[in-house]
Amino acid sequence: MARSDFDLAIVRVLPHTALPNGYPFLEIEPYEAISEGDEIATCGYPLGNFLFEQIGTITSSFTRGSISSIIPSQGIPQEHLKMFQLNLTATYGNSGGPVFSVRTGRALGVLQGGIVDRQRKILPGLSRAEPVYPIVNSNDINLIKSAPPGQLPPTDEIKKAWGVPS
């Protein structure tokens, strides 16, 4: 089940005996608690194998920064939120990592990558993140959970949930 209006996905993972209490997860930061200047962090694997060749290990790397801009502007209704501009250095391998509040540990976005200049070179200290709210506040999660394990919801239910004419 896929939508083309988000760069995020919802995946239903079936229970596994190795994790009898369920899978680990990050809680979501309430949208109302976010403001420009908030201290945030991300976790990822910057430069992947290239970093391994230089320092001999590949471990997750935590990077701290702040929300420099809420796009299109702070205080807008959540449904109009497009992106977070971050004062945070990110590079190849950081993309896809969670962006979370340092204060609470709750996620608010997913790192998409750095901001590039006109020559397509990553500008140090600036990056962008896609907000998680369009996915977590949609009915998509409940729709997927309502389907029997290993099956997708009926096509007509998906179309109705997404506002697609039958």
N, C-alpha and C. Protein backbone atom coordinates (compact mmCIF):
# COMPACT_ATOMS: atom_id res chain seq x y z
N MET A 1 0.85 -1.16 0.00
CA MET A 1 0.00 0.00 0.00
C MET A 1 0.89 1.22 0.00
N ALA A 2 0.77 2.08 -0.98
CA ALA A 2 1.67 3.23 -1.09
C ALA A 2 0.90 4.48 -1.49
N ARG A 3 1.42 5.62 -1.03
CA ARG A 3 0.89 6.92 -1.42
C ARG A 3 2.06 7.72 -1.98
N SER A 4 1.77 8.54 -2.95
CA SER A 4 2.85 9.33 -3.55
C SER A 4 2.93 10.75 -3.00
N ASP A 5 2.07 11.10 -2.04
CA ASP A 5 2.10 12.46 -1.51
C ASP A 5 2.95 12.59 -0.24
N PHE A 6 3.60 11.51 0.19
CA PHE A 6 4.51 11.53 1.33
C PHE A 6 5.80 10.82 0.95
N ASP A 7 6.87 11.18 1.64
CA ASP A 7 8.15 10.51 1.45
C ASP A 7 8.39 9.54 2.60
N LEU A 8 7.30 9.17 3.28
CA LEU A 8 7.35 8.25 4.40
C LEU A 8 6.45 7.06 4.10
N ALA A 9 6.63 6.00 4.84
CA ALA A 9 5.81 4.81 4.62
C ALA A 9 5.30 4.28 5.94
N ILE A 10 4.19 3.58 5.85
CA ILE A 10 3.64 2.85 6.99
C ILE A 10 3.80 1.37 6.63
N VAL A 11 4.39 0.63 7.54
CA VAL A 11 4.61 -0.79 7.31
C VAL A 11 4.00 -1.55 8.48
N ARG A 12 3.21 -2.54 8.16
CA ARG A 12 2.66 -3.39 9.21
C ARG A 12 3.59 -4.58 9.38
N VAL A 13 4.12 -4.72 10.58
CA VAL A 13 5.04 -5.81 10.88
C VAL A 13 4.31 -6.79 11.79
N LEU A 14 4.30 -8.03 11.40
CA LEU A 14 3.59 -9.04 12.18
C LEU A 14 4.38 -9.38 13.44
N PRO A 15 3.70 -9.82 14.48
CA PRO A 15 4.39 -10.19 15.73
C PRO A 15 5.47 -11.24 15.49
N HIS A 16 6.48 -11.22 16.35
CA HIS A 16 7.57 -12.19 16.25
C HIS A 16 7.91 -12.69 17.65
N THR A 17 8.21 -13.96 17.76
CA THR A 17 8.51 -14.54 19.07
C THR A 17 9.76 -13.94 19.71
N ALA A 18 10.66 -13.39 18.92
CA ALA A 18 11.87 -12.78 19.48
C ALA A 18 11.55 -11.49 20.24
N LEU A 19 10.40 -10.90 19.96
CA LEU A 19 10.00 -9.67 20.64
C LEU A 19 8.59 -9.84 21.20
N PRO A 20 8.46 -10.60 22.28
CA PRO A 20 7.13 -10.92 22.81
C PRO A 20 6.35 -9.69 23.29
N ASN A 21 7.04 -8.62 23.64
CA ASN A 21 6.36 -7.40 24.09
C ASN A 21 6.19 -6.38 22.97
N GLY A 22 6.46 -6.76 21.74
CA GLY A 22 6.32 -5.86 20.61
C GLY A 22 7.65 -5.25 20.20
N TYR A 23 7.60 -4.50 19.11
CA TYR A 23 8.80 -3.88 18.54
C TYR A 23 9.10 -2.54 19.22
N PRO A 24 10.38 -2.16 19.28
CA PRO A 24 10.70 -0.84 19.83
C PRO A 24 10.12 0.25 18.92
N PHE A 25 9.82 1.39 19.48
CA PHE A 25 9.26 2.49 18.71
C PHE A 25 9.61 3.81 19.36
N LEU A 26 9.47 4.88 18.62
CA LEU A 26 9.63 6.23 19.15
C LEU A 26 8.26 6.86 19.31
N GLU A 27 8.06 7.50 20.43
CA GLU A 27 6.81 8.25 20.61
C GLU A 27 6.88 9.51 19.75
N ILE A 28 5.72 10.08 19.44
CA ILE A 28 5.63 11.27 18.60
C ILE A 28 5.48 12.51 19.47
N GLU A 29 6.27 13.53 19.18
CA GLU A 29 6.19 14.81 19.87
C GLU A 29 4.90 15.51 19.45
N PRO A 30 4.10 15.98 20.39
CA PRO A 30 2.90 16.71 19.99
C PRO A 30 3.26 17.94 19.15
N TYR A 31 2.53 18.15 18.07
CA TYR A 31 2.81 19.27 17.17
C TYR A 31 2.80 20.60 17.93
N GLU A 32 1.88 20.74 18.86
CA GLU A 32 1.75 21.98 19.62
C GLU A 32 2.97 22.29 20.48
N ALA A 33 3.80 21.28 20.75
CA ALA A 33 4.98 21.46 21.61
C ALA A 33 6.22 21.88 20.83
N ILE A 34 6.11 21.99 19.49
CA ILE A 34 7.28 22.29 18.65
C ILE A 34 7.33 23.77 18.32
N SER A 35 8.53 24.34 18.40
CA SER A 35 8.71 25.73 17.96
C SER A 35 10.13 25.92 17.42
N GLU A 36 10.27 26.96 16.63
CA GLU A 36 11.58 27.28 16.09
C GLU A 36 12.54 27.56 17.23
N GLY A 37 13.76 27.07 17.11
CA GLY A 37 14.77 27.21 18.16
C GLY A 37 14.87 26.00 19.07
N ASP A 38 13.88 25.08 19.00
CA ASP A 38 13.93 23.89 19.85
C ASP A 38 15.17 23.06 19.52
N GLU A 39 15.77 22.50 20.56
CA GLU A 39 16.93 21.64 20.38
C GLU A 39 16.46 20.26 19.93
N ILE A 40 17.04 19.78 18.83
CA ILE A 40 16.68 18.49 18.26
C ILE A 40 17.94 17.67 18.02
N ALA A 41 17.75 16.41 17.66
CA ALA A 41 18.88 15.55 17.31
C ALA A 41 18.40 14.55 16.28
N THR A 42 19.37 13.89 15.65
CA THR A 42 19.07 12.81 14.72
C THR A 42 20.09 11.71 14.93
N CYS A 43 19.76 10.55 14.42
CA CYS A 43 20.63 9.40 14.52
C CYS A 43 20.74 8.78 13.14
N GLY A 44 21.94 8.41 12.74
CA GLY A 44 22.10 7.80 11.43
C GLY A 44 23.48 7.20 11.29
N TYR A 45 23.83 6.90 10.06
CA TYR A 45 25.12 6.30 9.73
C TYR A 45 25.80 7.16 8.67
N PRO A 46 26.34 8.32 9.09
CA PRO A 46 26.92 9.23 8.10
C PRO A 46 28.07 8.58 7.33
N LEU A 47 27.99 8.69 6.03
CA LEU A 47 29.00 8.21 5.09
C LEU A 47 29.15 6.70 5.04
N GLY A 48 28.42 5.95 5.84
CA GLY A 48 28.40 4.49 5.76
C GLY A 48 29.77 3.86 5.68
N ASN A 49 30.02 3.08 4.63
CA ASN A 49 31.29 2.36 4.46
C ASN A 49 32.48 3.30 4.34
N PHE A 50 32.27 4.49 3.80
CA PHE A 50 33.37 5.45 3.66
C PHE A 50 33.91 5.83 5.05
N LEU A 51 33.02 6.00 6.02
CA LEU A 51 33.45 6.30 7.38
C LEU A 51 34.15 5.08 8.00
N PHE A 52 33.66 3.88 7.69
CA PHE A 52 34.29 2.66 8.18
C PHE A 52 35.75 2.59 7.71
N GLU A 53 35.98 2.95 6.44
CA GLU A 53 37.34 2.91 5.90
C GLU A 53 38.26 3.89 6.63
N GLN A 54 37.71 4.98 7.19
CA GLN A 54 38.54 5.98 7.85
C GLN A 54 38.75 5.72 9.34
N ILE A 55 37.69 5.23 10.04
CA ILE A 55 37.83 5.06 11.48
C ILE A 55 37.68 3.61 11.95
N GLY A 56 37.36 2.69 11.04
CA GLY A 56 37.35 1.28 11.36
C GLY A 56 36.09 0.74 12.01
N THR A 57 35.03 1.50 12.02
CA THR A 57 33.79 1.00 12.61
C THR A 57 32.59 1.67 11.97
N ILE A 58 31.48 0.97 12.02
CA ILE A 58 30.22 1.58 11.60
C ILE A 58 29.28 1.45 12.79
N THR A 59 29.05 2.55 13.45
CA THR A 59 28.10 2.60 14.55
C THR A 59 27.18 3.79 14.31
N SER A 60 26.04 3.76 14.96
CA SER A 60 25.14 4.90 14.80
C SER A 60 25.80 6.15 15.37
N SER A 61 25.45 7.27 14.76
CA SER A 61 26.03 8.54 15.13
C SER A 61 24.90 9.52 15.46
N PHE A 62 24.99 10.15 16.63
CA PHE A 62 23.98 11.13 17.03
C PHE A 62 24.51 12.53 16.77
N THR A 63 23.66 13.36 16.19
CA THR A 63 24.02 14.74 15.86
C THR A 63 22.96 15.66 16.42
N ARG A 64 23.40 16.75 17.09
CA ARG A 64 22.47 17.71 17.70
C ARG A 64 22.40 18.99 16.89
N GLY A 65 21.26 19.65 16.98
CA GLY A 65 21.06 20.93 16.32
C GLY A 65 19.79 21.57 16.83
N SER A 66 19.17 22.39 16.00
CA SER A 66 17.93 23.04 16.39
C SER A 66 17.01 23.19 15.18
N ILE A 67 15.74 23.42 15.46
CA ILE A 67 14.79 23.72 14.39
C ILE A 67 15.01 25.18 14.02
N SER A 68 15.50 25.43 12.81
CA SER A 68 15.74 26.81 12.42
C SER A 68 14.53 27.43 11.75
N SER A 69 13.65 26.59 11.16
CA SER A 69 12.46 27.13 10.52
C SER A 69 11.40 26.04 10.39
N ILE A 70 10.17 26.42 10.65
CA ILE A 70 9.03 25.56 10.40
C ILE A 70 8.41 26.07 9.11
N ILE A 71 8.32 25.19 8.09
CA ILE A 71 7.91 25.61 6.75
C ILE A 71 6.43 25.26 6.54
N PRO A 72 5.58 26.19 6.14
CA PRO A 72 5.87 27.53 5.65
C PRO A 72 6.05 28.56 6.74
N SER A 73 5.51 28.38 7.96
CA SER A 73 5.78 29.32 9.04
C SER A 73 5.33 28.72 10.37
N GLN A 74 5.95 29.17 11.44
CA GLN A 74 5.59 28.70 12.76
C GLN A 74 4.15 29.11 13.07
N GLY A 75 3.44 28.24 13.77
CA GLY A 75 2.08 28.56 14.19
C GLY A 75 0.99 28.21 13.19
N ILE A 76 1.38 27.68 12.03
CA ILE A 76 0.36 27.31 11.04
C ILE A 76 -0.39 26.06 11.52
N PRO A 77 -1.61 25.86 11.05
CA PRO A 77 -2.29 24.60 11.39
C PRO A 77 -1.47 23.41 10.88
N GLN A 78 -1.51 22.36 11.63
CA GLN A 78 -0.71 21.17 11.34
C GLN A 78 -0.91 20.64 9.93
N GLU A 79 -2.11 20.72 9.39
CA GLU A 79 -2.36 20.16 8.05
C GLU A 79 -1.64 20.92 6.95
N HIS A 80 -1.12 22.12 7.24
CA HIS A 80 -0.38 22.90 6.24
C HIS A 80 1.13 22.80 6.40
N LEU A 81 1.59 22.08 7.42
CA LEU A 81 3.01 21.90 7.67
C LEU A 81 3.65 21.12 6.53
N LYS A 82 4.74 21.65 5.99
CA LYS A 82 5.42 21.02 4.85
C LYS A 82 6.77 20.42 5.20
N MET A 83 7.53 21.12 6.07
CA MET A 83 8.91 20.70 6.29
C MET A 83 9.49 21.41 7.51
N PHE A 84 10.59 20.87 8.01
CA PHE A 84 11.41 21.53 9.03
C PHE A 84 12.77 21.82 8.41
N GLN A 85 13.23 23.05 8.53
CA GLN A 85 14.61 23.36 8.19
C GLN A 85 15.38 23.28 9.50
N LEU A 86 16.49 22.58 9.48
CA LEU A 86 17.24 22.31 10.70
C LEU A 86 18.63 22.93 10.65
N ASN A 87 19.06 23.41 11.79
CA ASN A 87 20.43 23.85 11.98
C ASN A 87 21.17 22.63 12.50
N LEU A 88 21.55 21.76 11.57
CA LEU A 88 22.11 20.46 11.92
C LEU A 88 22.93 19.97 10.74
N THR A 89 24.14 19.54 10.99
CA THR A 89 24.98 19.03 9.91
C THR A 89 24.60 17.58 9.62
N ALA A 90 24.25 17.33 8.36
CA ALA A 90 23.90 15.98 7.93
C ALA A 90 24.60 15.71 6.61
N THR A 91 24.83 14.45 6.33
CA THR A 91 25.47 14.08 5.08
C THR A 91 24.89 12.75 4.60
N TYR A 92 25.43 12.20 3.55
CA TYR A 92 24.95 10.94 3.02
C TYR A 92 25.01 9.88 4.11
N GLY A 93 23.94 9.14 4.28
CA GLY A 93 23.86 8.13 5.33
C GLY A 93 23.04 8.57 6.52
N ASN A 94 22.86 9.89 6.69
CA ASN A 94 21.99 10.38 7.76
C ASN A 94 20.52 10.35 7.34
N SER A 95 20.26 10.43 6.04
CA SER A 95 18.89 10.48 5.55
C SER A 95 18.09 9.28 6.04
N GLY A 96 16.85 9.55 6.41
CA GLY A 96 15.97 8.50 6.90
C GLY A 96 16.02 8.31 8.40
N GLY A 97 16.94 8.98 9.06
CA GLY A 97 17.02 8.89 10.51
C GLY A 97 15.94 9.73 11.17
N PRO A 98 15.54 9.36 12.38
CA PRO A 98 14.53 10.14 13.08
C PRO A 98 15.08 11.48 13.51
N VAL A 99 14.24 12.50 13.49
CA VAL A 99 14.56 13.79 14.08
C VAL A 99 13.71 13.87 15.33
N PHE A 100 14.35 14.07 16.47
CA PHE A 100 13.61 14.02 17.72
C PHE A 100 14.01 15.15 18.66
N SER A 101 13.11 15.46 19.57
CA SER A 101 13.34 16.49 20.57
C SER A 101 14.38 15.99 21.56
N VAL A 102 15.41 16.79 21.82
CA VAL A 102 16.41 16.43 22.82
C VAL A 102 15.77 16.41 24.21
N ARG A 103 14.84 17.32 24.43
CA ARG A 103 14.19 17.44 25.74
C ARG A 103 13.34 16.22 26.08
N THR A 104 12.56 15.72 25.11
CA THR A 104 11.61 14.64 25.40
C THR A 104 11.99 13.29 24.79
N GLY A 105 12.82 13.28 23.76
CA GLY A 105 13.15 12.05 23.05
C GLY A 105 12.09 11.63 22.05
N ARG A 106 11.05 12.44 21.87
CA ARG A 106 9.95 12.10 20.96
C ARG A 106 10.26 12.59 19.54
N ALA A 107 9.86 11.78 18.56
CA ALA A 107 10.12 12.08 17.14
C ALA A 107 9.14 13.13 16.61
N LEU A 108 9.66 13.96 15.69
CA LEU A 108 8.83 14.95 15.01
C LEU A 108 9.01 14.91 13.50
N GLY A 109 10.06 14.25 13.05
CA GLY A 109 10.29 14.20 11.61
C GLY A 109 11.29 13.11 11.24
N VAL A 110 11.53 13.02 9.94
CA VAL A 110 12.51 12.09 9.39
C VAL A 110 13.46 12.90 8.53
N LEU A 111 14.75 12.76 8.79
CA LEU A 111 15.75 13.53 8.06
C LEU A 111 15.74 13.17 6.58
N GLN A 112 15.63 14.19 5.74
CA GLN A 112 15.65 13.96 4.29
C GLN A 112 17.02 14.22 3.71
N GLY A 113 17.80 15.04 4.34
CA GLY A 113 19.14 15.31 3.83
C GLY A 113 19.53 16.75 4.03
N GLY A 114 20.67 17.08 3.44
CA GLY A 114 21.20 18.42 3.56
C GLY A 114 20.58 19.38 2.55
N ILE A 115 20.79 20.65 2.79
CA ILE A 115 20.40 21.70 1.85
C ILE A 115 21.60 21.89 0.92
N VAL A 116 21.36 22.00 -0.38
CA VAL A 116 22.46 22.12 -1.33
C VAL A 116 22.52 23.53 -1.91
N ASP A 117 23.74 23.90 -2.33
CA ASP A 117 23.93 25.20 -2.97
C ASP A 117 23.65 25.07 -4.47
N ARG A 118 23.91 26.12 -5.22
CA ARG A 118 23.61 26.12 -6.65
C ARG A 118 24.45 25.12 -7.45
N GLN A 119 25.58 24.73 -6.90
CA GLN A 119 26.43 23.72 -7.55
C GLN A 119 26.10 22.30 -7.05
N ARG A 120 25.01 22.17 -6.29
CA ARG A 120 24.52 20.90 -5.75
C ARG A 120 25.43 20.31 -4.68
N LYS A 121 26.23 21.15 -4.02
CA LYS A 121 27.07 20.71 -2.91
C LYS A 121 26.32 20.96 -1.61
N ILE A 122 26.41 19.99 -0.69
CA ILE A 122 25.72 20.12 0.60
C ILE A 122 26.32 21.29 1.38
N LEU A 123 25.43 22.15 1.87
CA LEU A 123 25.85 23.27 2.72
C LEU A 123 25.99 22.77 4.15
N PRO A 124 27.16 22.94 4.76
CA PRO A 124 27.34 22.47 6.13
C PRO A 124 26.40 23.21 7.08
N GLY A 125 25.82 22.47 8.01
CA GLY A 125 25.03 23.08 9.07
C GLY A 125 23.56 23.27 8.77
N LEU A 126 23.12 22.95 7.56
CA LEU A 126 21.69 23.07 7.23
C LEU A 126 21.18 21.75 6.68
N SER A 127 20.00 21.36 7.12
CA SER A 127 19.37 20.15 6.60
C SER A 127 17.87 20.32 6.68
N ARG A 128 17.15 19.32 6.16
CA ARG A 128 15.70 19.39 6.17
C ARG A 128 15.12 18.05 6.61
N ALA A 129 13.93 18.13 7.19
CA ALA A 129 13.24 16.93 7.65
C ALA A 129 11.78 17.00 7.25
N GLU A 130 11.23 15.84 6.90
CA GLU A 130 9.81 15.75 6.61
C GLU A 130 9.08 15.46 7.92
N PRO A 131 8.02 16.20 8.21
CA PRO A 131 7.26 15.95 9.44
C PRO A 131 6.58 14.58 9.40
N VAL A 132 6.41 13.97 10.57
CA VAL A 132 5.73 12.68 10.67
C VAL A 132 4.22 12.82 10.78
N TYR A 133 3.73 14.02 11.03
CA TYR A 133 2.32 14.23 11.35
C TYR A 133 1.34 13.84 10.24
N PRO A 134 1.62 14.06 8.97
CA PRO A 134 0.65 13.64 7.96
C PRO A 134 0.40 12.13 7.96
N ILE A 135 1.40 11.35 8.35
CA ILE A 135 1.24 9.90 8.39
C ILE A 135 0.59 9.46 9.70
N VAL A 136 1.11 9.91 10.82
CA VAL A 136 0.61 9.41 12.11
C VAL A 136 -0.78 9.94 12.43
N ASN A 137 -1.17 11.05 11.86
CA ASN A 137 -2.50 11.58 12.14
C ASN A 137 -3.52 11.23 11.07
N SER A 138 -3.11 10.46 10.09
CA SER A 138 -4.05 10.04 9.05
C SER A 138 -4.80 8.81 9.53
N ASN A 139 -5.80 8.42 8.81
CA ASN A 139 -6.54 7.21 9.13
C ASN A 139 -5.84 5.97 8.57
N ASP A 140 -4.72 6.15 7.87
CA ASP A 140 -4.03 5.04 7.22
C ASP A 140 -3.60 3.96 8.21
N ILE A 141 -3.12 4.36 9.39
CA ILE A 141 -2.65 3.38 10.37
C ILE A 141 -3.81 2.49 10.82
N ASN A 142 -4.95 3.10 11.14
CA ASN A 142 -6.11 2.31 11.56
C ASN A 142 -6.61 1.42 10.42
N LEU A 143 -6.54 1.93 9.20
CA LEU A 143 -6.98 1.15 8.04
C LEU A 143 -6.12 -0.11 7.88
N ILE A 144 -4.81 0.04 8.01
CA ILE A 144 -3.90 -1.11 7.89
C ILE A 144 -4.11 -2.08 9.05
N LYS A 145 -4.25 -1.54 10.26
CA LYS A 145 -4.44 -2.41 11.42
C LYS A 145 -5.75 -3.19 11.35
N SER A 146 -6.75 -2.66 10.64
CA SER A 146 -8.05 -3.32 10.56
C SER A 146 -8.04 -4.52 9.62
N ALA A 147 -7.07 -4.60 8.73
CA ALA A 147 -7.01 -5.72 7.78
C ALA A 147 -6.47 -6.96 8.47
N PRO A 148 -6.90 -8.14 8.03
CA PRO A 148 -6.35 -9.38 8.60
C PRO A 148 -4.83 -9.44 8.38
N PRO A 149 -4.09 -10.11 9.28
CA PRO A 149 -2.63 -10.22 9.13
C PRO A 149 -2.24 -10.75 7.75
N GLY A 150 -1.28 -10.09 7.13
CA GLY A 150 -0.78 -10.50 5.84
C GLY A 150 -1.62 -10.05 4.66
N GLN A 151 -2.67 -9.27 4.91
CA GLN A 151 -3.55 -8.80 3.83
C GLN A 151 -3.66 -7.29 3.86
N LEU A 152 -3.96 -6.73 2.70
CA LEU A 152 -4.23 -5.30 2.60
C LEU A 152 -5.71 -5.05 2.80
N PRO A 153 -6.07 -3.85 3.23
CA PRO A 153 -7.50 -3.52 3.29
C PRO A 153 -8.09 -3.58 1.88
N PRO A 154 -9.41 -3.80 1.77
CA PRO A 154 -10.03 -3.81 0.44
C PRO A 154 -9.77 -2.49 -0.29
N THR A 155 -9.61 -2.57 -1.61
CA THR A 155 -9.30 -1.41 -2.43
C THR A 155 -10.29 -0.28 -2.25
N ASP A 156 -11.60 -0.60 -2.13
CA ASP A 156 -12.59 0.47 -1.98
C ASP A 156 -12.40 1.22 -0.67
N GLU A 157 -11.96 0.54 0.40
CA GLU A 157 -11.68 1.22 1.67
C GLU A 157 -10.47 2.15 1.54
N ILE A 158 -9.45 1.70 0.82
CA ILE A 158 -8.25 2.53 0.61
C ILE A 158 -8.64 3.78 -0.18
N LYS A 159 -9.37 3.60 -1.27
CA LYS A 159 -9.79 4.75 -2.07
C LYS A 159 -10.60 5.75 -1.27
N LYS A 160 -11.53 5.22 -0.44
CA LYS A 160 -12.35 6.11 0.38
C LYS A 160 -11.48 6.89 1.37
N ALA A 161 -10.55 6.19 2.02
CA ALA A 161 -9.68 6.84 3.01
C ALA A 161 -8.81 7.92 2.37
N TRP A 162 -8.40 7.71 1.13
CA TRP A 162 -7.52 8.64 0.45
C TRP A 162 -8.27 9.67 -0.40
N GLY A 163 -9.60 9.59 -0.40
CA GLY A 163 -10.38 10.56 -1.16
C GLY A 163 -10.32 10.35 -2.66
N VAL A 164 -10.07 9.10 -3.07
CA VAL A 164 -9.99 8.78 -4.51
C VAL A 164 -11.37 8.32 -4.97
N PRO A 165 -11.89 8.90 -6.07
CA PRO A 165 -13.20 8.45 -6.57
C PRO A 165 -13.17 6.98 -6.98
N SER A 166 -14.25 6.26 -6.72
CA SER A 166 -14.33 4.83 -7.07
C SER A 166 -14.59 4.64 -8.54
